[in-house]
Amino acid sequence: MSMESINTIRGVEESMDQARLEAKASAQKLLAEAEKEGRALVEQSRAKAAEKTAEVMEAAGKRADKRRLDILAETNRDCRRLVNDAQERMAEAAGIIIGRVVER
């Protein structure tokens, strides 16, 4: 094999080694960029999820407040009805008691 062929082979090997190093560096750069973009997307998704969670919680709080007010109103109506019933029966009960006392 001639010296010229050996030099040519060496040149090709060196350029291949350089191409490998450049490809490796490019791959590492692409990987780093992809990881950075991935982290940004994850953070963006987390922010959207937190925003949606806040909206859902606010809506649930409003529904709970409305339900609480409905229950309070219903309880107040029930209490007024019970008081009215008790007052109506009190006069009747007093009459019965007085009637029994007088009979004795």
N, C-alpha and C. Protein backbone atom coordinates (compact mmCIF):
# COMPACT_ATOMS: atom_id res chain seq x y z
N MET A 1 0.85 -1.16 0.00
CA MET A 1 0.00 0.00 0.00
C MET A 1 0.90 1.23 0.00
N SER A 2 0.54 2.19 -0.80
CA SER A 2 1.38 3.37 -0.92
C SER A 2 1.11 4.35 0.21
N MET A 3 2.06 5.21 0.38
CA MET A 3 1.96 6.23 1.43
C MET A 3 0.78 7.15 1.15
N GLU A 4 0.53 7.39 -0.10
CA GLU A 4 -0.58 8.25 -0.48
C GLU A 4 -1.91 7.61 -0.07
N SER A 5 -2.05 6.32 -0.26
CA SER A 5 -3.26 5.59 0.12
C SER A 5 -3.44 5.62 1.63
N ILE A 6 -2.34 5.41 2.35
CA ILE A 6 -2.39 5.42 3.81
C ILE A 6 -2.83 6.81 4.29
N ASN A 7 -2.26 7.86 3.70
CA ASN A 7 -2.63 9.22 4.08
C ASN A 7 -4.10 9.49 3.76
N THR A 8 -4.55 8.98 2.64
CA THR A 8 -5.95 9.16 2.25
C THR A 8 -6.87 8.46 3.25
N ILE A 9 -6.49 7.24 3.62
CA ILE A 9 -7.29 6.48 4.60
C ILE A 9 -7.30 7.19 5.94
N ARG A 10 -6.14 7.68 6.36
CA ARG A 10 -6.06 8.42 7.62
C ARG A 10 -6.95 9.66 7.57
N GLY A 11 -6.91 10.34 6.45
CA GLY A 11 -7.73 11.55 6.29
C GLY A 11 -9.21 11.22 6.39
N VAL A 12 -9.59 10.12 5.74
CA VAL A 12 -10.99 9.70 5.80
C VAL A 12 -11.36 9.32 7.23
N GLU A 13 -10.49 8.57 7.90
CA GLU A 13 -10.76 8.17 9.29
C GLU A 13 -10.88 9.39 10.20
N GLU A 14 -10.00 10.35 10.02
CA GLU A 14 -10.05 11.56 10.83
C GLU A 14 -11.34 12.35 10.57
N SER A 15 -11.72 12.44 9.30
CA SER A 15 -12.95 13.17 9.00
C SER A 15 -14.16 12.41 9.54
N MET A 16 -14.11 11.08 9.54
CA MET A 16 -15.18 10.28 10.12
C MET A 16 -15.24 10.49 11.64
N ASP A 17 -14.07 10.50 12.26
CA ASP A 17 -14.03 10.76 13.70
C ASP A 17 -14.60 12.14 14.02
N GLN A 18 -14.22 13.13 13.20
CA GLN A 18 -14.73 14.49 13.39
C GLN A 18 -16.25 14.52 13.18
N ALA A 19 -16.73 13.81 12.16
CA ALA A 19 -18.17 13.76 11.89
C ALA A 19 -18.91 13.10 13.05
N ARG A 20 -18.31 12.04 13.62
CA ARG A 20 -18.92 11.38 14.79
C ARG A 20 -19.01 12.34 15.97
N LEU A 21 -17.92 13.07 16.21
CA LEU A 21 -17.92 14.03 17.32
C LEU A 21 -18.96 15.12 17.10
N GLU A 22 -19.06 15.60 15.89
CA GLU A 22 -20.05 16.63 15.58
C GLU A 22 -21.47 16.08 15.72
N ALA A 23 -21.67 14.83 15.26
CA ALA A 23 -22.99 14.20 15.38
C ALA A 23 -23.35 14.01 16.85
N LYS A 24 -22.37 13.58 17.65
CA LYS A 24 -22.61 13.40 19.07
C LYS A 24 -22.95 14.72 19.74
N ALA A 25 -22.21 15.77 19.41
CA ALA A 25 -22.47 17.09 19.98
C ALA A 25 -23.84 17.59 19.54
N SER A 26 -24.18 17.38 18.29
CA SER A 26 -25.49 17.79 17.79
C SER A 26 -26.60 17.02 18.49
N ALA A 27 -26.40 15.73 18.68
CA ALA A 27 -27.40 14.92 19.37
C ALA A 27 -27.58 15.38 20.82
N GLN A 28 -26.47 15.69 21.48
CA GLN A 28 -26.55 16.17 22.85
C GLN A 28 -27.27 17.53 22.92
N LYS A 29 -27.01 18.37 21.93
CA LYS A 29 -27.67 19.68 21.89
C LYS A 29 -29.18 19.49 21.65
N LEU A 30 -29.53 18.60 20.71
CA LEU A 30 -30.94 18.33 20.45
C LEU A 30 -31.63 17.76 21.69
N LEU A 31 -30.94 16.87 22.37
CA LEU A 31 -31.50 16.27 23.59
C LEU A 31 -31.71 17.33 24.66
N ALA A 32 -30.74 18.20 24.84
CA ALA A 32 -30.87 19.27 25.84
C ALA A 32 -32.03 20.21 25.49
N GLU A 33 -32.18 20.54 24.21
CA GLU A 33 -33.28 21.40 23.78
C GLU A 33 -34.62 20.71 23.99
N ALA A 34 -34.68 19.41 23.66
CA ALA A 34 -35.92 18.65 23.85
C ALA A 34 -36.29 18.58 25.32
N GLU A 35 -35.31 18.35 26.19
CA GLU A 35 -35.57 18.31 27.63
C GLU A 35 -36.06 19.67 28.12
N LYS A 36 -35.45 20.74 27.62
CA LYS A 36 -35.86 22.09 28.02
C LYS A 36 -37.30 22.35 27.58
N GLU A 37 -37.61 22.00 26.33
CA GLU A 37 -38.97 22.19 25.83
C GLU A 37 -39.96 21.31 26.61
N GLY A 38 -39.53 20.10 26.93
CA GLY A 38 -40.38 19.20 27.70
C GLY A 38 -40.68 19.77 29.08
N ARG A 39 -39.66 20.29 29.74
CA ARG A 39 -39.87 20.90 31.06
C ARG A 39 -40.81 22.10 30.95
N ALA A 40 -40.65 22.89 29.89
CA ALA A 40 -41.52 24.06 29.70
C ALA A 40 -42.96 23.61 29.48
N LEU A 41 -43.16 22.54 28.71
CA LEU A 41 -44.51 22.04 28.48
C LEU A 41 -45.12 21.49 29.76
N VAL A 42 -44.31 20.79 30.55
CA VAL A 42 -44.81 20.26 31.83
C VAL A 42 -45.21 21.41 32.74
N GLU A 43 -44.39 22.44 32.79
CA GLU A 43 -44.71 23.59 33.64
C GLU A 43 -45.97 24.30 33.15
N GLN A 44 -46.08 24.42 31.84
CA GLN A 44 -47.27 25.04 31.25
C GLN A 44 -48.52 24.21 31.59
N SER A 45 -48.39 22.90 31.49
CA SER A 45 -49.52 22.02 31.82
C SER A 45 -49.88 22.13 33.29
N ARG A 46 -48.88 22.20 34.14
CA ARG A 46 -49.14 22.35 35.58
C ARG A 46 -49.87 23.65 35.86
N ALA A 47 -49.43 24.72 35.20
CA ALA A 47 -50.08 26.02 35.40
C ALA A 47 -51.54 25.97 34.95
N LYS A 48 -51.78 25.35 33.79
CA LYS A 48 -53.15 25.23 33.30
C LYS A 48 -53.99 24.38 34.24
N ALA A 49 -53.40 23.29 34.74
CA ALA A 49 -54.12 22.42 35.67
C ALA A 49 -54.45 23.16 36.96
N ALA A 50 -53.51 23.94 37.45
CA ALA A 50 -53.74 24.71 38.68
C ALA A 50 -54.84 25.75 38.46
N GLU A 51 -54.83 26.37 37.29
CA GLU A 51 -55.87 27.36 36.97
C GLU A 51 -57.23 26.69 36.88
N LYS A 52 -57.28 25.55 36.21
CA LYS A 52 -58.55 24.82 36.07
C LYS A 52 -59.04 24.34 37.44
N THR A 53 -58.11 23.87 38.28
CA THR A 53 -58.47 23.43 39.62
C THR A 53 -59.06 24.58 40.42
N ALA A 54 -58.44 25.75 40.30
CA ALA A 54 -58.96 26.93 41.02
C ALA A 54 -60.37 27.27 40.54
N GLU A 55 -60.59 27.18 39.23
CA GLU A 55 -61.93 27.47 38.69
C GLU A 55 -62.96 26.46 39.21
N VAL A 56 -62.58 25.19 39.19
CA VAL A 56 -63.49 24.14 39.66
C VAL A 56 -63.79 24.31 41.14
N MET A 57 -62.76 24.62 41.92
CA MET A 57 -62.95 24.81 43.36
C MET A 57 -63.84 26.02 43.64
N GLU A 58 -63.66 27.08 42.87
CA GLU A 58 -64.49 28.27 43.06
C GLU A 58 -65.96 27.95 42.73
N ALA A 59 -66.16 27.22 41.64
CA ALA A 59 -67.53 26.84 41.26
C ALA A 59 -68.14 25.94 42.33
N ALA A 60 -67.35 25.00 42.83
CA ALA A 60 -67.85 24.10 43.88
C ALA A 60 -68.17 24.89 45.14
N GLY A 61 -67.34 25.86 45.47
CA GLY A 61 -67.60 26.70 46.64
C GLY A 61 -68.90 27.48 46.49
N LYS A 62 -69.14 28.00 45.29
CA LYS A 62 -70.39 28.74 45.06
C LYS A 62 -71.60 27.82 45.18
N ARG A 63 -71.48 26.60 44.62
CA ARG A 63 -72.59 25.65 44.73
C ARG A 63 -72.81 25.27 46.19
N ALA A 64 -71.72 25.08 46.93
CA ALA A 64 -71.84 24.72 48.35
C ALA A 64 -72.48 25.86 49.15
N ASP A 65 -72.10 27.09 48.85
CA ASP A 65 -72.71 28.24 49.54
C ASP A 65 -74.20 28.31 49.25
N LYS A 66 -74.57 28.12 47.99
CA LYS A 66 -75.99 28.15 47.64
C LYS A 66 -76.74 27.03 48.35
N ARG A 67 -76.15 25.84 48.36
CA ARG A 67 -76.80 24.70 49.04
C ARG A 67 -76.94 24.98 50.53
N ARG A 68 -75.90 25.57 51.13
CA ARG A 68 -75.95 25.92 52.56
C ARG A 68 -77.09 26.89 52.82
N LEU A 69 -77.21 27.91 51.98
CA LEU A 69 -78.29 28.89 52.15
C LEU A 69 -79.66 28.23 51.97
N ASP A 70 -79.77 27.32 51.01
CA ASP A 70 -81.03 26.59 50.81
C ASP A 70 -81.38 25.77 52.04
N ILE A 71 -80.38 25.09 52.60
CA ILE A 71 -80.62 24.26 53.80
C ILE A 71 -81.01 25.15 54.98
N LEU A 72 -80.33 26.28 55.14
CA LEU A 72 -80.68 27.20 56.23
C LEU A 72 -82.11 27.72 56.08
N ALA A 73 -82.48 28.07 54.86
CA ALA A 73 -83.84 28.57 54.62
C ALA A 73 -84.86 27.48 54.93
N GLU A 74 -84.58 26.27 54.49
CA GLU A 74 -85.49 25.15 54.77
C GLU A 74 -85.58 24.88 56.27
N THR A 75 -84.45 24.94 56.95
CA THR A 75 -84.43 24.72 58.40
C THR A 75 -85.22 25.81 59.12
N ASN A 76 -85.05 27.05 58.68
CA ASN A 76 -85.81 28.16 59.28
C ASN A 76 -87.31 27.97 59.07
N ARG A 77 -87.71 27.55 57.87
CA ARG A 77 -89.13 27.29 57.61
C ARG A 77 -89.65 26.18 58.53
N ASP A 78 -88.86 25.11 58.66
CA ASP A 78 -89.26 24.00 59.53
C ASP A 78 -89.39 24.46 60.98
N CYS A 79 -88.44 25.27 61.43
CA CYS A 79 -88.49 25.78 62.81
C CYS A 79 -89.72 26.65 63.03
N ARG A 80 -90.02 27.54 62.09
CA ARG A 80 -91.20 28.40 62.23
C ARG A 80 -92.47 27.55 62.26
N ARG A 81 -92.52 26.52 61.42
CA ARG A 81 -93.68 25.64 61.40
C ARG A 81 -93.83 24.92 62.73
N LEU A 82 -92.72 24.42 63.27
CA LEU A 82 -92.77 23.72 64.56
C LEU A 82 -93.21 24.67 65.68
N VAL A 83 -92.69 25.90 65.66
CA VAL A 83 -93.08 26.87 66.69
C VAL A 83 -94.57 27.18 66.57
N ASN A 84 -95.05 27.39 65.36
CA ASN A 84 -96.48 27.67 65.16
C ASN A 84 -97.33 26.49 65.62
N ASP A 85 -96.90 25.28 65.24
CA ASP A 85 -97.64 24.09 65.68
C ASP A 85 -97.66 24.00 67.21
N ALA A 86 -96.52 24.28 67.83
CA ALA A 86 -96.43 24.20 69.29
C ALA A 86 -97.33 25.26 69.93
N GLN A 87 -97.35 26.45 69.39
CA GLN A 87 -98.20 27.51 69.94
C GLN A 87 -99.68 27.15 69.80
N GLU A 88 -100.03 26.59 68.66
CA GLU A 88 -101.43 26.18 68.47
C GLU A 88 -101.81 25.09 69.46
N ARG A 89 -100.93 24.17 69.69
CA ARG A 89 -101.22 23.06 70.59
C ARG A 89 -101.16 23.47 72.06
N MET A 90 -100.40 24.54 72.34
CA MET A 90 -100.25 24.98 73.72
C MET A 90 -101.60 25.43 74.29
N ALA A 91 -102.33 26.17 73.51
CA ALA A 91 -103.65 26.62 73.97
C ALA A 91 -104.54 25.41 74.22
N GLU A 92 -104.51 24.47 73.32
CA GLU A 92 -105.31 23.25 73.48
C GLU A 92 -104.87 22.46 74.71
N ALA A 93 -103.54 22.33 74.87
CA ALA A 93 -103.00 21.60 76.01
C ALA A 93 -103.36 22.30 77.32
N ALA A 94 -103.28 23.61 77.33
CA ALA A 94 -103.63 24.37 78.53
C ALA A 94 -105.10 24.15 78.88
N GLY A 95 -105.94 24.12 77.88
CA GLY A 95 -107.36 23.86 78.12
C GLY A 95 -107.59 22.48 78.70
N ILE A 96 -106.89 21.48 78.17
CA ILE A 96 -107.03 20.12 78.68
C ILE A 96 -106.56 20.04 80.13
N ILE A 97 -105.41 20.65 80.40
CA ILE A 97 -104.86 20.63 81.76
C ILE A 97 -105.81 21.33 82.73
N ILE A 98 -106.30 22.49 82.34
CA ILE A 98 -107.23 23.24 83.20
C ILE A 98 -108.49 22.42 83.42
N GLY A 99 -108.96 21.77 82.37
CA GLY A 99 -110.15 20.92 82.50
C GLY A 99 -109.93 19.79 83.46
N ARG A 100 -108.80 19.18 83.46
CA ARG A 100 -108.51 18.07 84.36
C ARG A 100 -108.38 18.56 85.81
N VAL A 101 -107.74 19.71 85.96
CA VAL A 101 -107.56 20.27 87.30
C VAL A 101 -108.92 20.62 87.89
N VAL A 102 -109.79 21.20 87.08
CA VAL A 102 -111.11 21.61 87.55
C VAL A 102 -111.95 20.38 87.90
N GLU A 103 -111.83 19.30 87.14
CA GLU A 103 -112.61 18.10 87.37
C GLU A 103 -112.25 17.50 88.72
N ARG A 104 -111.11 17.66 89.21
CA ARG A 104 -110.68 17.04 90.46
C ARG A 104 -111.11 17.83 91.59
